[in-house]
N, C-alpha and C. Protein backbone atom coordinates (compact mmCIF):
# COMPACT_ATOMS: atom_id res chain seq x y z
N MET A 1 185.86 54.45 140.90
CA MET A 1 185.85 55.74 141.57
C MET A 1 186.57 56.86 140.65
N SER A 2 186.09 58.03 140.72
CA SER A 2 186.71 59.04 139.88
C SER A 2 187.77 59.74 140.65
N ASP A 3 188.74 60.27 139.90
CA ASP A 3 189.89 60.97 140.56
C ASP A 3 189.57 62.43 140.71
N PRO A 4 189.66 62.98 141.94
CA PRO A 4 189.24 64.35 142.19
C PRO A 4 190.30 65.35 141.56
N SER A 5 191.44 64.82 141.16
CA SER A 5 192.49 65.64 140.57
C SER A 5 192.21 65.99 139.07
N GLN A 6 191.18 65.27 138.53
CA GLN A 6 190.88 65.54 137.09
C GLN A 6 190.11 66.89 136.99
N PRO A 7 190.31 67.70 135.92
CA PRO A 7 189.76 69.00 135.82
C PRO A 7 188.22 69.11 135.84
N GLY A 8 187.57 68.14 135.33
CA GLY A 8 186.04 68.15 135.29
C GLY A 8 185.47 67.97 136.69
N ASN A 9 186.16 67.13 137.50
CA ASN A 9 185.62 66.86 138.78
C ASN A 9 185.72 68.06 139.77
N SER A 10 186.76 68.83 139.70
CA SER A 10 186.93 69.99 140.60
C SER A 10 185.83 71.05 140.31
N ALA A 11 185.48 71.18 139.01
CA ALA A 11 184.44 72.19 138.70
C ALA A 11 183.12 71.62 139.23
N LEU A 12 182.89 70.37 139.13
CA LEU A 12 181.64 69.75 139.63
C LEU A 12 181.59 69.87 141.11
N ASN A 13 182.72 69.61 141.85
CA ASN A 13 182.71 69.82 143.28
C ASN A 13 182.41 71.25 143.67
N ALA A 14 182.99 72.21 142.98
CA ALA A 14 182.82 73.61 143.33
C ALA A 14 181.34 73.97 143.13
N GLN A 15 180.72 73.51 142.08
CA GLN A 15 179.36 73.73 141.88
C GLN A 15 178.49 73.10 142.96
N ALA A 16 178.80 71.86 143.31
CA ALA A 16 178.02 71.22 144.38
C ALA A 16 178.14 71.99 145.68
N ASN A 17 179.40 72.44 145.99
CA ASN A 17 179.54 73.16 147.26
C ASN A 17 178.83 74.52 147.17
N ALA A 18 178.78 75.15 146.09
CA ALA A 18 178.08 76.45 145.93
C ALA A 18 176.54 76.23 146.16
N THR A 19 176.11 75.19 145.59
CA THR A 19 174.68 74.79 145.73
C THR A 19 174.32 74.50 147.22
N LEU A 20 175.14 73.76 147.85
CA LEU A 20 174.97 73.43 149.31
C LEU A 20 174.94 74.74 150.11
N ARG A 21 175.86 75.66 149.82
CA ARG A 21 175.89 76.92 150.55
C ARG A 21 174.58 77.69 150.42
N VAL A 22 174.11 77.78 149.17
CA VAL A 22 172.85 78.47 148.83
C VAL A 22 171.72 77.86 149.65
N LEU A 23 171.64 76.50 149.65
CA LEU A 23 170.58 75.82 150.37
C LEU A 23 170.66 76.04 151.89
N GLN A 24 171.87 76.01 152.40
CA GLN A 24 172.05 76.16 153.86
C GLN A 24 171.77 77.64 154.33
N ASN A 25 172.02 78.62 153.46
CA ASN A 25 171.80 80.03 153.84
C ASN A 25 170.48 80.53 153.29
N LYS A 26 169.61 79.66 152.89
CA LYS A 26 168.29 80.10 152.29
C LYS A 26 167.48 80.69 153.42
N LYS A 27 166.85 81.83 153.09
CA LYS A 27 165.91 82.48 154.11
C LYS A 27 164.64 81.74 154.22
N PRO A 28 164.08 81.72 155.42
CA PRO A 28 162.84 81.01 155.66
C PRO A 28 161.72 81.63 154.87
N MET A 29 160.73 80.87 154.55
CA MET A 29 159.52 81.41 153.82
C MET A 29 158.77 82.36 154.81
N PRO A 30 158.35 83.46 154.30
CA PRO A 30 157.60 84.41 155.21
C PRO A 30 156.30 83.83 155.64
N GLU A 31 155.92 84.06 156.88
CA GLU A 31 154.59 83.65 157.36
C GLU A 31 153.57 84.62 156.81
N ILE A 32 152.56 84.08 156.08
CA ILE A 32 151.56 84.91 155.54
C ILE A 32 150.19 84.57 156.23
N ASP A 33 149.59 85.58 156.79
CA ASP A 33 148.22 85.35 157.50
C ASP A 33 147.15 85.65 156.48
N PHE A 34 146.54 84.59 155.93
CA PHE A 34 145.50 84.78 154.94
C PHE A 34 144.15 85.22 155.57
N THR A 35 144.08 85.41 156.84
CA THR A 35 142.85 85.88 157.48
C THR A 35 142.83 87.42 157.49
N ILE A 36 143.94 88.00 157.13
CA ILE A 36 144.10 89.49 157.10
C ILE A 36 144.45 89.88 155.64
N HIS A 37 143.63 90.77 155.06
CA HIS A 37 143.84 91.32 153.78
C HIS A 37 144.26 92.79 153.86
N THR A 38 145.30 93.13 153.13
CA THR A 38 145.77 94.52 153.13
C THR A 38 145.28 95.13 151.89
N MET A 39 144.55 96.27 152.07
CA MET A 39 143.93 97.01 150.98
C MET A 39 145.04 97.78 150.20
N GLU A 40 144.65 98.41 149.12
CA GLU A 40 145.61 99.23 148.33
C GLU A 40 146.07 100.42 149.05
N ASP A 41 145.21 100.98 149.95
CA ASP A 41 145.57 102.20 150.68
C ASP A 41 146.30 101.87 152.04
N GLY A 42 146.56 100.53 152.22
CA GLY A 42 147.37 100.19 153.43
C GLY A 42 146.51 99.66 154.60
N THR A 43 145.18 99.96 154.55
CA THR A 43 144.40 99.47 155.67
C THR A 43 144.21 97.96 155.60
N THR A 44 143.93 97.36 156.69
CA THR A 44 143.74 95.94 156.80
C THR A 44 142.29 95.55 157.14
N ALA A 45 141.88 94.43 156.69
CA ALA A 45 140.54 94.00 156.94
C ALA A 45 140.59 92.42 157.17
N SER A 46 139.78 91.94 158.08
CA SER A 46 139.70 90.48 158.36
C SER A 46 138.90 89.84 157.21
N THR A 47 139.37 88.69 156.84
CA THR A 47 138.65 87.91 155.83
C THR A 47 137.63 86.98 156.45
N ARG A 48 137.57 86.94 157.78
CA ARG A 48 136.67 86.09 158.49
C ARG A 48 135.46 86.84 159.01
N GLU A 49 135.49 88.14 158.93
CA GLU A 49 134.31 88.92 159.42
C GLU A 49 133.74 89.70 158.22
N ARG A 50 132.50 90.12 158.31
CA ARG A 50 131.90 91.04 157.35
C ARG A 50 132.62 92.37 157.38
N TYR A 51 133.03 92.80 156.16
CA TYR A 51 133.70 94.12 155.98
C TYR A 51 132.74 95.25 156.35
N ASN A 52 131.55 95.21 155.80
CA ASN A 52 130.56 96.25 156.04
C ASN A 52 129.49 95.59 156.80
N LYS A 53 129.49 95.92 158.09
CA LYS A 53 128.53 95.22 159.05
C LYS A 53 127.14 95.81 158.91
N ASP A 54 126.95 96.95 158.19
CA ASP A 54 125.66 97.54 158.03
C ASP A 54 124.80 96.73 156.95
N VAL A 55 125.48 95.99 156.16
CA VAL A 55 124.78 95.22 155.08
C VAL A 55 124.37 93.88 155.69
N GLN A 56 123.12 93.53 155.48
CA GLN A 56 122.63 92.26 156.05
C GLN A 56 123.34 91.04 155.39
N ALA A 57 123.63 90.07 156.16
CA ALA A 57 124.34 88.88 155.68
C ALA A 57 123.41 88.06 154.85
N PRO A 58 124.00 87.38 153.81
CA PRO A 58 123.10 86.59 152.94
C PRO A 58 122.53 85.43 153.68
N ALA A 59 121.36 84.97 153.21
CA ALA A 59 120.66 83.77 153.78
C ALA A 59 121.46 82.57 153.34
N VAL A 60 121.98 81.85 154.35
CA VAL A 60 122.82 80.74 154.04
C VAL A 60 122.12 79.39 154.25
N HIS A 61 120.97 79.40 154.92
CA HIS A 61 120.30 78.20 155.17
C HIS A 61 119.16 77.98 154.26
N LEU A 62 118.90 76.72 153.80
CA LEU A 62 117.73 76.42 152.94
C LEU A 62 116.54 76.45 153.78
N PRO A 63 115.42 77.00 153.34
CA PRO A 63 114.18 77.07 154.14
C PRO A 63 113.58 75.64 154.26
N THR A 64 112.97 75.43 155.43
CA THR A 64 112.24 74.20 155.65
C THR A 64 110.89 74.39 154.93
N ASP A 65 110.11 73.31 154.76
CA ASP A 65 108.78 73.40 154.17
C ASP A 65 107.85 74.23 155.03
N ASP A 66 108.07 74.23 156.39
CA ASP A 66 107.23 75.10 157.25
C ASP A 66 107.53 76.53 157.00
N MET A 67 108.73 76.89 156.69
CA MET A 67 109.00 78.27 156.34
C MET A 67 108.60 78.67 154.92
N PHE A 68 108.72 77.71 154.00
CA PHE A 68 108.42 77.89 152.63
C PHE A 68 106.91 78.14 152.34
N PHE A 69 106.06 77.34 152.94
CA PHE A 69 104.64 77.32 152.71
C PHE A 69 103.93 78.39 153.65
N SER A 70 102.90 78.98 153.12
CA SER A 70 102.11 79.95 153.81
C SER A 70 101.29 79.33 154.93
N LYS A 71 101.16 80.02 156.10
CA LYS A 71 100.35 79.48 157.19
C LYS A 71 98.85 79.58 156.86
N GLU A 72 98.47 80.64 156.14
CA GLU A 72 97.05 80.92 155.77
C GLU A 72 96.62 79.94 154.64
N HIS A 73 97.48 79.80 153.69
CA HIS A 73 97.23 78.98 152.50
C HIS A 73 98.28 77.86 152.37
N PRO A 74 98.14 76.76 153.03
CA PRO A 74 99.21 75.76 153.04
C PRO A 74 99.62 75.11 151.75
N ASP A 75 98.72 75.36 150.70
CA ASP A 75 99.12 74.88 149.35
C ASP A 75 99.90 75.92 148.51
N ARG A 76 100.16 77.05 149.05
CA ARG A 76 100.94 78.18 148.36
C ARG A 76 102.15 78.53 149.11
N PRO A 77 103.19 78.90 148.39
CA PRO A 77 104.42 79.44 149.08
C PRO A 77 104.14 80.73 149.79
N ASP A 78 104.88 80.99 150.86
CA ASP A 78 104.74 82.28 151.58
C ASP A 78 105.48 83.35 150.84
N LEU A 79 104.73 84.23 150.12
CA LEU A 79 105.38 85.15 149.26
C LEU A 79 106.25 86.24 149.98
N ALA A 80 105.78 86.62 151.18
CA ALA A 80 106.58 87.60 151.95
C ALA A 80 107.88 87.01 152.31
N PHE A 81 107.87 85.72 152.84
CA PHE A 81 109.11 85.10 153.15
C PHE A 81 110.06 84.94 151.96
N LEU A 82 109.47 84.48 150.83
CA LEU A 82 110.29 84.30 149.65
C LEU A 82 111.00 85.61 149.15
N LYS A 83 110.19 86.65 149.15
CA LYS A 83 110.71 87.94 148.77
C LYS A 83 111.93 88.35 149.56
N ASP A 84 111.80 88.16 150.91
CA ASP A 84 112.84 88.52 151.81
C ASP A 84 114.05 87.58 151.62
N HIS A 85 113.74 86.24 151.42
CA HIS A 85 114.77 85.24 151.33
C HIS A 85 115.55 85.46 150.04
N PHE A 86 114.89 85.70 148.91
CA PHE A 86 115.55 85.98 147.68
C PHE A 86 116.30 87.26 147.71
N TYR A 87 115.76 88.28 148.37
CA TYR A 87 116.41 89.58 148.43
C TYR A 87 117.80 89.42 149.13
N ARG A 88 117.83 88.56 150.13
CA ARG A 88 119.07 88.27 150.80
C ARG A 88 119.93 87.18 150.11
N GLU A 89 119.62 86.90 148.85
CA GLU A 89 120.35 85.95 147.99
C GLU A 89 120.26 84.49 148.48
N GLY A 90 119.10 84.18 149.12
CA GLY A 90 118.91 82.88 149.69
C GLY A 90 118.59 81.95 148.54
N ARG A 91 118.76 80.68 148.87
CA ARG A 91 118.38 79.63 147.87
C ARG A 91 117.30 78.73 148.48
N ILE A 92 116.69 77.93 147.59
CA ILE A 92 115.62 77.03 148.01
C ILE A 92 115.97 75.63 147.57
N THR A 93 115.30 74.62 148.14
CA THR A 93 115.67 73.26 147.74
C THR A 93 115.13 73.01 146.31
N GLU A 94 115.69 71.92 145.79
CA GLU A 94 115.26 71.55 144.46
C GLU A 94 113.76 71.17 144.42
N ASP A 95 113.27 70.47 145.40
CA ASP A 95 111.80 70.19 145.44
C ASP A 95 110.95 71.44 145.52
N GLN A 96 111.38 72.46 146.23
CA GLN A 96 110.66 73.69 146.37
C GLN A 96 110.59 74.42 145.02
N ALA A 97 111.80 74.42 144.37
CA ALA A 97 111.87 75.05 143.05
C ALA A 97 111.01 74.31 142.04
N ILE A 98 111.02 73.04 142.06
CA ILE A 98 110.13 72.25 141.14
C ILE A 98 108.67 72.55 141.44
N TYR A 99 108.29 72.62 142.70
CA TYR A 99 106.94 72.96 143.07
C TYR A 99 106.52 74.30 142.48
N ILE A 100 107.32 75.30 142.61
CA ILE A 100 106.98 76.62 142.05
C ILE A 100 106.85 76.55 140.56
N LEU A 101 107.78 75.88 139.87
CA LEU A 101 107.70 75.73 138.45
C LEU A 101 106.49 74.99 137.98
N GLN A 102 106.10 73.90 138.71
CA GLN A 102 104.92 73.13 138.30
C GLN A 102 103.60 74.00 138.48
N LYS A 103 103.51 74.73 139.60
CA LYS A 103 102.35 75.54 139.84
C LYS A 103 102.29 76.66 138.86
N ALA A 104 103.34 77.27 138.52
CA ALA A 104 103.39 78.33 137.52
C ALA A 104 102.96 77.77 136.15
N THR A 105 103.46 76.62 135.81
CA THR A 105 103.12 75.96 134.57
C THR A 105 101.62 75.73 134.49
N ASP A 106 101.08 75.21 135.57
CA ASP A 106 99.63 74.90 135.61
C ASP A 106 98.81 76.16 135.40
N ILE A 107 99.25 77.27 136.08
CA ILE A 107 98.55 78.51 135.98
C ILE A 107 98.64 79.04 134.59
N LEU A 108 99.80 79.07 133.98
CA LEU A 108 99.99 79.65 132.62
C LEU A 108 99.25 78.85 131.61
N ARG A 109 99.11 77.51 131.81
CA ARG A 109 98.42 76.59 130.85
C ARG A 109 96.94 77.00 130.72
N THR A 110 96.35 77.46 131.88
CA THR A 110 94.92 77.87 131.94
C THR A 110 94.75 79.20 131.32
N GLU A 111 95.76 80.01 131.24
CA GLU A 111 95.65 81.39 130.65
C GLU A 111 95.55 81.37 129.17
N PRO A 112 94.74 82.21 128.56
CA PRO A 112 94.70 82.32 127.19
C PRO A 112 96.03 82.94 126.64
N ASN A 113 96.49 82.44 125.53
CA ASN A 113 97.78 82.96 125.08
C ASN A 113 97.59 83.84 123.82
N LEU A 114 96.39 84.42 123.64
CA LEU A 114 96.06 85.25 122.56
C LEU A 114 95.24 86.50 123.11
N LEU A 115 95.77 87.62 122.87
CA LEU A 115 95.07 88.87 123.26
C LEU A 115 93.96 89.12 122.30
N GLU A 116 92.74 89.43 122.82
CA GLU A 116 91.68 89.89 121.98
C GLU A 116 91.44 91.32 122.21
N VAL A 117 91.75 92.13 121.19
CA VAL A 117 91.61 93.60 121.28
C VAL A 117 90.77 94.08 120.10
N ASP A 118 90.10 95.20 120.31
CA ASP A 118 89.30 95.79 119.29
C ASP A 118 90.15 96.58 118.31
N ALA A 119 89.70 96.66 117.03
CA ALA A 119 90.43 97.41 116.00
C ALA A 119 90.08 98.90 116.22
N PRO A 120 90.85 99.84 115.83
CA PRO A 120 92.13 99.80 115.18
C PRO A 120 93.22 99.46 116.26
N ILE A 121 94.18 98.71 115.87
CA ILE A 121 95.32 98.37 116.78
C ILE A 121 96.58 99.14 116.39
N THR A 122 97.12 99.86 117.39
CA THR A 122 98.40 100.49 117.19
C THR A 122 99.30 99.92 118.17
N GLY A 123 100.61 100.18 117.99
CA GLY A 123 101.58 99.62 118.98
C GLY A 123 101.34 100.13 120.37
N LYS A 124 100.91 101.32 120.53
CA LYS A 124 100.59 101.93 121.81
C LYS A 124 99.43 101.16 122.51
N CYS A 125 98.41 100.91 121.70
CA CYS A 125 97.17 100.28 122.15
C CYS A 125 97.51 98.87 122.58
N ALA A 126 98.28 98.16 121.84
CA ALA A 126 98.58 96.73 122.15
C ALA A 126 99.39 96.69 123.49
N ALA A 127 100.37 97.59 123.63
CA ALA A 127 101.20 97.59 124.81
C ALA A 127 100.38 97.89 126.02
N LYS A 128 99.38 98.87 125.98
CA LYS A 128 98.54 99.12 127.10
C LYS A 128 97.68 97.95 127.47
N GLU A 129 97.21 97.31 126.48
CA GLU A 129 96.30 96.06 126.75
C GLU A 129 97.17 94.97 127.39
N TYR A 130 98.36 94.74 126.89
CA TYR A 130 99.25 93.79 127.43
C TYR A 130 99.60 93.99 128.90
N HIS A 131 99.99 95.28 129.20
CA HIS A 131 100.31 95.59 130.60
C HIS A 131 99.08 95.56 131.50
N ALA A 132 97.92 95.85 130.98
CA ALA A 132 96.69 95.71 131.83
C ALA A 132 96.46 94.25 132.18
N LYS A 133 96.64 93.38 131.21
CA LYS A 133 96.51 91.94 131.49
C LYS A 133 97.58 91.48 132.46
N GLU A 134 98.79 91.96 132.35
CA GLU A 134 99.88 91.57 133.27
C GLU A 134 99.51 92.05 134.76
N ARG A 135 99.04 93.26 134.86
CA ARG A 135 98.62 93.75 136.22
C ARG A 135 97.51 92.87 136.82
N GLU A 136 96.61 92.49 135.90
CA GLU A 136 95.45 91.67 136.32
C GLU A 136 96.00 90.36 136.80
N ARG A 137 96.92 89.75 136.16
CA ARG A 137 97.49 88.41 136.58
C ARG A 137 98.28 88.58 137.89
N GLU A 138 99.02 89.65 138.09
CA GLU A 138 99.78 89.88 139.34
C GLU A 138 98.83 90.05 140.48
N ASN A 139 97.76 90.80 140.29
CA ASN A 139 96.77 90.98 141.36
C ASN A 139 96.12 89.67 141.74
N GLU A 140 95.80 88.82 140.74
CA GLU A 140 95.15 87.52 141.03
C GLU A 140 96.11 86.60 141.76
N SER A 141 97.39 86.62 141.39
CA SER A 141 98.30 85.70 142.00
C SER A 141 98.85 86.16 143.40
N GLY A 142 98.71 87.52 143.62
CA GLY A 142 99.09 88.09 144.97
C GLY A 142 100.58 88.42 144.91
N ALA A 143 101.22 88.36 143.74
CA ALA A 143 102.68 88.66 143.60
C ALA A 143 102.92 90.20 143.49
N GLY A 144 101.91 90.96 143.16
CA GLY A 144 102.14 92.39 142.93
C GLY A 144 102.12 93.28 143.97
């Protein structure tokens, strides 16, 4: 056992007592409500509700195949539904995405990949021809 009368021990005891006093008088941690956010101007907003209720909420559910496919053409996706769904930042299933990619690949494989235009060819002429072909494709696919 060590002798408390020795000079090193009294300094150690004083330090231990000071540490104990600090721990006993420690202030409690403040309660923070993470469901309320305080803005820079001092206003508060709930983190559980939409801040701007005028903006439509994002689509959070994956569409079923009944929602995804058109009623008139069961072999095609419902374009009106998909436009709205993607506008609202919605997602689709992996199978639905693969279906779209496979159908697009099939369509693009049948398309000629070389433009046939009459001479003389200028940059302006080629651009007009290209955009005319693009509009034609959009009208055929119903996406336009």
